[in-house]
Protein backbone atom coordinates (compact mmCIF):
# COMPACT_ATOMS: atom_id res chain seq x y z
CA MET A 1 -245.69 -20.61 111.30
CA ILE A 2 -244.37 -21.65 115.10
CA ILE A 3 -246.69 -25.44 114.76
CA ILE A 4 -244.41 -25.51 111.48
CA ALA A 5 -241.55 -25.41 112.85
CA LEU A 6 -241.53 -27.21 115.66
CA LEU A 7 -242.96 -30.42 113.94
CA ALA A 8 -239.59 -29.95 110.96
CA SER A 9 -237.51 -29.81 114.50
CA THR A 10 -239.29 -33.04 115.39
CA SER A 11 -239.20 -34.80 111.82
CA PHE A 12 -235.24 -33.49 111.80
CA PHE A 13 -234.92 -35.10 115.65
CA ALA A 14 -236.79 -38.94 114.48
CA GLN A 15 -234.42 -38.57 111.01
CA SER A 16 -231.05 -37.77 112.87
CA SER A 17 -232.06 -40.68 115.89
CA ALA A 18 -232.65 -42.76 112.74
CA ASP A 19 -229.83 -42.22 110.82
CA LEU A 20 -227.14 -42.40 114.31
CA LYS A 21 -229.26 -45.74 115.00
CA ALA A 22 -228.29 -47.42 111.68
CA HIS A 23 -224.88 -45.66 111.89
CA PHE A 24 -223.76 -47.77 115.61
CA GLU A 25 -225.79 -50.84 114.65
CA GLN A 26 -223.24 -50.77 111.06
CA TYR A 27 -220.53 -49.88 112.93
CA TYR A 28 -221.99 -52.64 115.75
CA GLN A 29 -221.50 -55.00 113.37
CA GLU A 30 -218.22 -54.90 111.32
CA MET A 31 -216.43 -54.21 114.26
CA LYS A 32 -218.15 -57.77 115.70
CA LYS A 33 -216.89 -59.14 112.45
CA GLN A 34 -213.34 -57.70 113.13
CA GLY A 35 -212.84 -58.86 116.58
CA ASP A 36 -212.77 -55.28 118.10
CA VAL A 37 -214.02 -55.70 121.33
CA ASN A 38 -213.68 -52.43 122.11
CA GLY A 39 -215.17 -51.31 118.97
CA VAL A 40 -218.62 -53.18 119.81
CA ILE A 41 -218.98 -52.42 123.26
CA ASN A 42 -218.45 -48.39 122.10
CA ALA A 43 -221.28 -49.00 119.54
CA LEU A 44 -223.26 -50.74 121.93
CA THR A 45 -222.72 -48.38 124.52
CA HIS A 46 -223.97 -45.08 121.61
CA LEU A 47 -227.07 -47.77 120.50
CA ASN A 48 -228.24 -48.17 124.16
CA ILE A 49 -228.41 -44.25 124.67
CA ILE A 50 -229.77 -44.33 121.10
CA SER A 51 -232.33 -46.63 121.82
CA PRO A 52 -232.35 -48.22 124.78
CA SER A 53 -233.28 -52.09 125.17
CA PRO A 54 -232.59 -54.40 127.26
CA ALA A 55 -231.47 -56.90 124.98
CA ARG A 56 -228.95 -54.63 123.50
CA LYS A 57 -227.80 -53.93 127.86
CA ASP A 58 -227.58 -57.91 128.65
CA THR A 59 -225.27 -58.52 125.33
CA LEU A 60 -222.90 -55.28 126.62
CA ALA A 61 -223.20 -56.87 129.91
CA TYR A 62 -221.46 -60.32 128.32
CA VAL A 63 -218.89 -58.02 125.94
CA TYR A 64 -217.95 -56.54 129.49
CA MET A 65 -218.14 -60.13 131.68
CA ASP A 66 -216.03 -62.17 128.60
CA GLY A 67 -213.53 -59.15 128.79
CA ASN A 68 -212.73 -60.11 132.28
CA GLN A 69 -213.53 -56.06 133.15
CA HIS A 70 -216.33 -57.60 135.94
CA MET A 71 -217.37 -54.41 137.32
CA GLN A 72 -218.27 -52.99 134.38
CA ALA A 73 -220.60 -55.30 133.35
CA LEU A 74 -221.90 -55.20 136.81
CA ASN A 75 -222.51 -51.77 136.75
CA THR A 76 -224.07 -52.19 133.31
CA ILE A 77 -226.98 -55.05 134.79
CA GLY A 78 -226.72 -54.15 138.40
CA ILE A 79 -225.79 -57.47 141.03
CA GLU A 80 -229.29 -57.50 141.97
CA LYS A 81 -231.62 -60.47 141.84
CA ASN A 82 -234.16 -60.02 139.55
CA ASP A 83 -237.33 -62.74 137.92
CA SER A 84 -237.52 -60.54 135.05
CA ASP A 85 -234.07 -60.48 134.45
CA SER A 86 -233.12 -63.09 130.85
CA ASN A 87 -231.06 -66.19 131.52
CA LEU A 88 -227.92 -64.02 129.36
CA ALA A 89 -228.45 -61.10 132.67
CA VAL A 90 -228.73 -63.95 135.61
CA GLN A 91 -225.33 -65.84 134.41
CA VAL A 92 -223.46 -61.74 133.66
CA LYS A 93 -224.05 -61.73 136.87
CA ALA A 94 -223.43 -64.54 138.61
CA ILE A 95 -220.38 -64.73 137.17
CA SER A 96 -219.31 -61.49 137.49
CA LEU A 97 -220.01 -61.51 141.49
CA LYS A 98 -218.20 -65.09 141.73
CA ALA A 99 -214.70 -63.31 140.14
CA LEU A 100 -215.21 -59.78 142.31
CA ASN A 101 -215.05 -62.80 145.48
CA GLN A 102 -219.07 -61.95 146.66
CA PRO A 103 -219.71 -65.94 146.37
CA LYS A 104 -223.29 -65.21 148.47
CA ARG A 105 -224.37 -62.81 146.42
CA ALA A 106 -222.75 -65.23 143.40
CA ILE A 107 -224.17 -67.68 144.58
CA GLU A 108 -228.58 -66.87 145.12
CA GLN A 109 -227.78 -65.71 140.67
CA PHE A 110 -226.95 -69.07 140.40
CA GLN A 111 -229.18 -70.62 142.02
CA ALA A 112 -231.59 -68.49 140.24
CA LEU A 113 -230.42 -69.65 137.03
CA TYR A 114 -230.08 -73.39 137.67
CA ASP A 115 -233.81 -72.96 138.49
CA ARG A 116 -234.92 -71.74 135.69
CA LEU A 117 -231.94 -74.72 133.25
CA PRO A 118 -231.16 -77.70 136.11
CA ASP A 119 -227.52 -78.32 134.91
CA PRO A 120 -224.03 -80.26 135.79
CA TYR A 121 -222.71 -77.37 135.57
CA ILE A 122 -223.74 -74.60 137.33
CA ALA A 123 -224.67 -76.98 140.30
CA TYR A 124 -220.63 -77.45 139.89
CA GLU A 125 -220.09 -74.10 140.54
CA MET A 126 -223.04 -73.68 143.18
CA ALA A 127 -220.73 -76.32 144.76
CA ASP A 128 -218.12 -74.56 144.96
CA LEU A 129 -219.29 -71.54 146.40
CA LYS A 130 -221.36 -73.15 148.95
CA ILE A 131 -218.00 -75.11 150.02
CA GLN A 132 -216.51 -71.78 150.59
CA VAL A 133 -219.06 -70.26 152.83
CA GLY A 134 -219.87 -72.72 154.68
CA ASP A 135 -222.67 -74.52 153.30
CA ILE A 136 -222.28 -77.82 153.16
CA GLU A 137 -225.59 -79.39 153.41
CA GLY A 138 -226.39 -77.22 150.53
CA ALA A 139 -222.84 -78.26 148.43
CA GLU A 140 -223.24 -81.42 149.20
CA LYS A 141 -226.88 -81.50 147.30
CA ASP A 142 -224.85 -79.85 144.03
CA ILE A 143 -222.63 -82.59 144.39
CA THR A 144 -224.94 -85.53 143.94
CA TYR A 145 -226.61 -84.07 141.73
CA GLY A 146 -223.17 -83.19 139.24
CA ILE A 147 -222.02 -86.95 139.80
CA ALA A 148 -225.47 -88.63 138.45
CA ASN A 149 -226.18 -85.61 135.68
CA SER A 150 -222.30 -85.47 134.28
CA THR A 151 -220.97 -87.65 132.17
CA LEU A 152 -217.19 -87.67 130.45
CA ASN A 153 -217.66 -85.49 127.14
CA MET A 154 -218.28 -82.59 129.86
CA LYS A 155 -215.21 -81.36 130.74
CA HIS A 156 -214.63 -78.50 133.77
CA ALA A 157 -211.23 -76.19 133.06
CA PHE A 158 -208.78 -75.86 135.47
CA TYR A 159 -206.36 -72.22 135.57
CA GLU A 160 -204.02 -73.13 138.72
CA ARG A 161 -201.04 -73.98 136.51
CA GLN A 162 -199.21 -71.92 133.90
CA GLN A 163 -200.85 -73.30 131.51
CA PRO A 164 -204.76 -74.20 132.06
CA TYR A 165 -206.08 -77.04 131.48
CA GLU A 166 -209.64 -80.02 130.91
CA VAL A 167 -210.09 -82.48 133.33
CA PRO A 168 -213.93 -84.65 133.09
CA LEU A 169 -216.03 -82.51 134.84
CA LYS A 170 -217.65 -85.89 137.06
CA ALA A 171 -214.01 -85.97 137.74
CA ALA A 172 -214.41 -82.62 138.79
CA PHE A 173 -217.36 -82.56 141.05
CA TYR A 174 -214.91 -86.22 142.94
CA HIS A 175 -212.64 -84.00 143.99
CA LEU A 176 -214.92 -81.74 145.42
CA GLN A 177 -216.59 -84.49 147.23
CA GLY A 178 -213.38 -85.29 149.16
CA LEU A 179 -212.84 -81.28 150.37
CA LEU A 180 -216.20 -81.82 151.74
CA ILE A 181 -215.58 -85.04 153.35
CA PHE A 182 -212.85 -83.19 155.02
CA ASN A 183 -213.80 -79.95 155.68
CA LYS A 184 -216.08 -82.27 157.41
CA ASP A 185 -214.74 -84.27 159.60
CA LYS A 186 -210.65 -84.33 159.63
CA SER A 187 -210.64 -87.39 160.83
CA LYS A 188 -211.50 -88.51 157.20
CA ALA A 189 -208.68 -87.67 155.96
CA ASP A 190 -208.66 -91.31 153.91
CA GLU A 191 -212.64 -91.00 152.78
CA ALA A 192 -211.09 -87.59 151.10
CA ILE A 193 -208.15 -88.99 149.68
CA ALA A 194 -210.08 -92.50 148.43
CA MET A 195 -212.02 -89.55 146.52
CA MET A 196 -208.98 -88.11 145.07
CA ASP A 197 -208.30 -91.44 143.49
CA LYS A 198 -211.40 -91.80 142.38
CA ALA A 199 -211.49 -88.09 140.46
CA LEU A 200 -207.32 -89.10 139.66
CA GLU A 201 -208.69 -92.54 138.21
CA LEU A 202 -210.74 -90.25 135.35
CA ASP A 203 -207.51 -88.02 134.45
CA SER A 204 -204.45 -89.12 135.67
CA ASN A 205 -203.05 -85.64 134.70
CA PHE A 206 -205.86 -83.30 136.98
CA ASN A 207 -203.00 -81.67 139.35
CA LEU A 208 -205.26 -79.82 141.36
CA ALA A 209 -206.37 -83.35 142.64
CA SER A 210 -202.80 -84.73 142.64
CA LEU A 211 -202.45 -81.64 144.72
CA SER A 212 -205.28 -81.63 147.32
CA LYS A 213 -204.28 -85.76 147.59
CA GLN A 214 -200.56 -85.10 148.93
CA ALA A 215 -201.55 -82.55 151.24
CA LEU A 216 -204.64 -84.89 153.00
CA GLU A 217 -201.49 -87.48 152.84
CA GLN A 218 -199.70 -84.97 154.25
CA ARG A 219 -201.80 -83.99 156.93
CA LYS A 220 -202.61 -87.49 157.66
CA THR A 221 -199.12 -88.08 158.41
CA GLU A 222 -199.05 -85.02 161.12
CA GLY A 223 -202.30 -87.07 162.67
CA GLU A 224 -200.86 -89.80 162.90
CA ALA A 225 -197.59 -88.36 163.87
CA GLY A 226 -198.79 -85.90 166.86
CA ASN A 227 -200.79 -89.68 168.23
C-alpha cells in the first residue's frame, strides 16, 4: 500500500508539473502576442522554475536587458565570461555591463562576442569603451577594422539630443578616430578636426561630431592664444 501511495503521489506531481508547464507556455505566448513585457517576464520566470533551461534563462535575461533592467539581466545569467555561454548571453552581459558603467568587464564580453562573430557594430562598441579605459592600441585596431568593413547602409544611433538620431556607422568610426587622435596627442587638433569633417561629410546632421569639432576648434584657438 505504501509503494502504491508513493507511485500515485509521484504520478500526481509529475502530472501537475506538466500541466503547470503547459499553462505557463501558453501564458508566455499570449503575453508575447499582447506585448506585455511584465507578463513575459513572469511567464519565463515560472517556466525556469518548473523546467530550467539555459536558452529560456538567456531569453529572460534578454527581455530584462531590452527593458533597461540591466541589473536584473545580470542577476539572471551572471557576469562571468564563460566559453559555454550562448551568443545571446554574451550579448546581454556586454550591453548590460556597459549600461552599468563597467567598461572593462563589458569589453571582455564584447571581445568574446567579436571573436565568435567579427562585426563592425561590435568593433565600434569595443573601440568606444577602450578609449574610455585608455586602451589606445586596442581602440586603434578596432577603428581600423570598423572603417574598412562598415558600409554606408550600416547605421549607428546616438542619444545625446532629446530626439535620438542615426548616422552611418562609418561616420561614427571617423568621429572616434578624431577623438583618439586628440587623446594621443593634444597638438594634433587639426588632424582630429579633419576626422570630424570626414564624419560630417557622410552626414551633415551628425550632431555629436559637430559638437566635438567645435570643442576641438576652441581648444586649438585657446592653445594658439596661450602661445
